[in-house]
Amino acid sequence: MTNVFARFVKDESGATAIEYGLIAALVAVVAITGMTTLGTKLSALFTGIAGKLTAPA
């Protein structure tokens, strides 16, 4: 029984999987934040360009 417990304590594969999951979640949050910011700025840019194109000369 102690041998099984010792192997369980030494097994770090679950910890590694959790770490990879946390890294993936962090990358996803950063990507979503960046894309949202970029999308907002691009929308404002295109709105400004459209306003200049339709403005009377």
N, C-alpha and C. Protein backbone atom coordinates (compact mmCIF):
# COMPACT_ATOMS: atom_id res chain seq x y z
N MET A 1 0.84 -1.20 0.00
CA MET A 1 0.00 0.00 0.00
C MET A 1 0.88 1.25 0.00
N THR A 2 1.95 1.25 0.75
CA THR A 2 2.82 2.42 0.79
C THR A 2 3.52 2.61 -0.55
N ASN A 3 3.77 1.52 -1.28
CA ASN A 3 4.39 1.62 -2.59
C ASN A 3 3.45 2.35 -3.56
N VAL A 4 2.19 2.05 -3.51
CA VAL A 4 1.20 2.70 -4.38
C VAL A 4 1.12 4.18 -4.03
N PHE A 5 1.11 4.50 -2.74
CA PHE A 5 1.05 5.89 -2.31
C PHE A 5 2.30 6.66 -2.74
N ALA A 6 3.45 6.02 -2.64
CA ALA A 6 4.71 6.67 -3.03
C ALA A 6 4.73 6.96 -4.53
N ARG A 7 4.24 6.02 -5.33
CA ARG A 7 4.16 6.27 -6.79
C ARG A 7 3.18 7.40 -7.09
N PHE A 8 2.08 7.45 -6.37
CA PHE A 8 1.09 8.50 -6.58
C PHE A 8 1.67 9.87 -6.26
N VAL A 9 2.44 9.98 -5.21
CA VAL A 9 3.04 11.25 -4.80
C VAL A 9 4.08 11.70 -5.82
N LYS A 10 4.84 10.76 -6.39
CA LYS A 10 5.89 11.09 -7.36
C LYS A 10 5.34 11.39 -8.75
N ASP A 11 4.13 10.96 -9.05
CA ASP A 11 3.56 11.15 -10.39
C ASP A 11 3.19 12.61 -10.58
N GLU A 12 3.82 13.26 -11.56
CA GLU A 12 3.56 14.67 -11.82
C GLU A 12 2.87 14.91 -13.16
N SER A 13 2.37 13.87 -13.80
CA SER A 13 1.74 14.05 -15.10
C SER A 13 0.46 14.87 -15.01
N GLY A 14 -0.28 14.73 -13.94
CA GLY A 14 -1.49 15.52 -13.76
C GLY A 14 -1.17 17.00 -13.58
N ALA A 15 -0.11 17.28 -12.82
CA ALA A 15 0.30 18.67 -12.61
C ALA A 15 0.75 19.29 -13.92
N THR A 16 1.45 18.53 -14.74
CA THR A 16 1.90 19.04 -16.03
C THR A 16 0.70 19.35 -16.93
N ALA A 17 -0.30 18.49 -16.94
CA ALA A 17 -1.49 18.73 -17.75
C ALA A 17 -2.22 19.99 -17.28
N ILE A 18 -2.29 20.19 -15.98
CA ILE A 18 -2.94 21.39 -15.45
C ILE A 18 -2.15 22.63 -15.84
N GLU A 19 -0.84 22.55 -15.77
CA GLU A 19 -0.01 23.70 -16.16
C GLU A 19 -0.21 24.05 -17.63
N TYR A 20 -0.23 23.03 -18.49
CA TYR A 20 -0.48 23.29 -19.91
C TYR A 20 -1.86 23.89 -20.13
N GLY A 21 -2.83 23.42 -19.38
CA GLY A 21 -4.18 23.98 -19.48
C GLY A 21 -4.23 25.44 -19.07
N LEU A 22 -3.52 25.77 -17.99
CA LEU A 22 -3.49 27.16 -17.54
C LEU A 22 -2.77 28.06 -18.54
N ILE A 23 -1.70 27.56 -19.14
CA ILE A 23 -0.98 28.34 -20.16
C ILE A 23 -1.88 28.57 -21.37
N ALA A 24 -2.58 27.53 -21.80
CA ALA A 24 -3.48 27.67 -22.94
C ALA A 24 -4.59 28.67 -22.65
N ALA A 25 -5.13 28.65 -21.43
CA ALA A 25 -6.18 29.60 -21.06
C ALA A 25 -5.64 31.02 -21.05
N LEU A 26 -4.43 31.22 -20.55
CA LEU A 26 -3.82 32.54 -20.53
C LEU A 26 -3.59 33.06 -21.95
N VAL A 27 -3.10 32.20 -22.83
CA VAL A 27 -2.88 32.59 -24.22
C VAL A 27 -4.21 32.96 -24.87
N ALA A 28 -5.26 32.21 -24.58
CA ALA A 28 -6.57 32.50 -25.15
C ALA A 28 -7.09 33.85 -24.67
N VAL A 29 -6.93 34.15 -23.40
CA VAL A 29 -7.40 35.43 -22.86
C VAL A 29 -6.63 36.59 -23.50
N VAL A 30 -5.32 36.44 -23.63
CA VAL A 30 -4.51 37.49 -24.26
C VAL A 30 -4.91 37.67 -25.72
N ALA A 31 -5.13 36.57 -26.43
CA ALA A 31 -5.52 36.66 -27.84
C ALA A 31 -6.88 37.33 -28.00
N ILE A 32 -7.83 36.96 -27.18
CA ILE A 32 -9.17 37.56 -27.26
C ILE A 32 -9.11 39.05 -26.95
N THR A 33 -8.35 39.42 -25.93
CA THR A 33 -8.21 40.84 -25.58
C THR A 33 -7.57 41.62 -26.71
N GLY A 34 -6.50 41.08 -27.27
CA GLY A 34 -5.82 41.76 -28.38
C GLY A 34 -6.70 41.90 -29.60
N MET A 35 -7.42 40.83 -29.94
CA MET A 35 -8.29 40.89 -31.13
C MET A 35 -9.45 41.85 -30.93
N THR A 36 -9.98 41.91 -29.72
CA THR A 36 -11.07 42.84 -29.43
C THR A 36 -10.59 44.28 -29.56
N THR A 37 -9.43 44.57 -29.00
CA THR A 37 -8.87 45.92 -29.09
C THR A 37 -8.58 46.29 -30.54
N LEU A 38 -7.97 45.38 -31.26
CA LEU A 38 -7.66 45.63 -32.67
C LEU A 38 -8.94 45.83 -33.48
N GLY A 39 -9.95 45.01 -33.22
CA GLY A 39 -11.23 45.14 -33.93
C GLY A 39 -11.89 46.48 -33.68
N THR A 40 -11.83 46.95 -32.45
CA THR A 40 -12.43 48.24 -32.11
C THR A 40 -11.70 49.38 -32.83
N LYS A 41 -10.38 49.31 -32.85
CA LYS A 41 -9.60 50.36 -33.52
C LYS A 41 -9.80 50.32 -35.02
N LEU A 42 -9.87 49.12 -35.60
CA LEU A 42 -10.11 49.02 -37.05
C LEU A 42 -11.51 49.54 -37.41
N SER A 43 -12.47 49.24 -36.57
CA SER A 43 -13.83 49.73 -36.82
C SER A 43 -13.86 51.26 -36.82
N ALA A 44 -13.20 51.86 -35.86
CA ALA A 44 -13.15 53.33 -35.79
C ALA A 44 -12.42 53.89 -37.01
N LEU A 45 -11.34 53.23 -37.42
CA LEU A 45 -10.58 53.69 -38.59
C LEU A 45 -11.44 53.64 -39.85
N PHE A 46 -12.13 52.53 -40.08
CA PHE A 46 -12.96 52.40 -41.28
C PHE A 46 -14.16 53.33 -41.24
N THR A 47 -14.70 53.58 -40.06
CA THR A 47 -15.80 54.54 -39.94
C THR A 47 -15.32 55.94 -40.33
N GLY A 48 -14.14 56.30 -39.87
CA GLY A 48 -13.57 57.60 -40.24
C GLY A 48 -13.30 57.71 -41.72
N ILE A 49 -12.77 56.66 -42.33
CA ILE A 49 -12.52 56.67 -43.77
C ILE A 49 -13.83 56.76 -44.55
N ALA A 50 -14.84 56.01 -44.11
CA ALA A 50 -16.13 56.06 -44.79
C ALA A 50 -16.75 57.45 -44.68
N GLY A 51 -16.57 58.09 -43.54
CA GLY A 51 -17.11 59.45 -43.37
C GLY A 51 -16.41 60.44 -44.30
N LYS A 52 -15.11 60.28 -44.51
CA LYS A 52 -14.40 61.17 -45.41
C LYS A 52 -14.75 60.91 -46.87
N LEU A 53 -15.03 59.67 -47.20
CA LEU A 53 -15.38 59.35 -48.59
C LEU A 53 -16.78 59.84 -48.96
N THR A 54 -17.68 59.85 -48.01
CA THR A 54 -19.05 60.28 -48.31
C THR A 54 -19.28 61.77 -48.04
N ALA A 55 -18.31 62.45 -47.46
CA ALA A 55 -18.48 63.88 -47.17
C ALA A 55 -18.45 64.68 -48.47
N PRO A 56 -19.32 65.71 -48.57
CA PRO A 56 -19.31 66.51 -49.78
C PRO A 56 -18.00 67.33 -49.89
N ALA A 57 -17.53 67.45 -51.10
CA ALA A 57 -16.25 68.14 -51.31
C ALA A 57 -16.40 69.62 -51.39
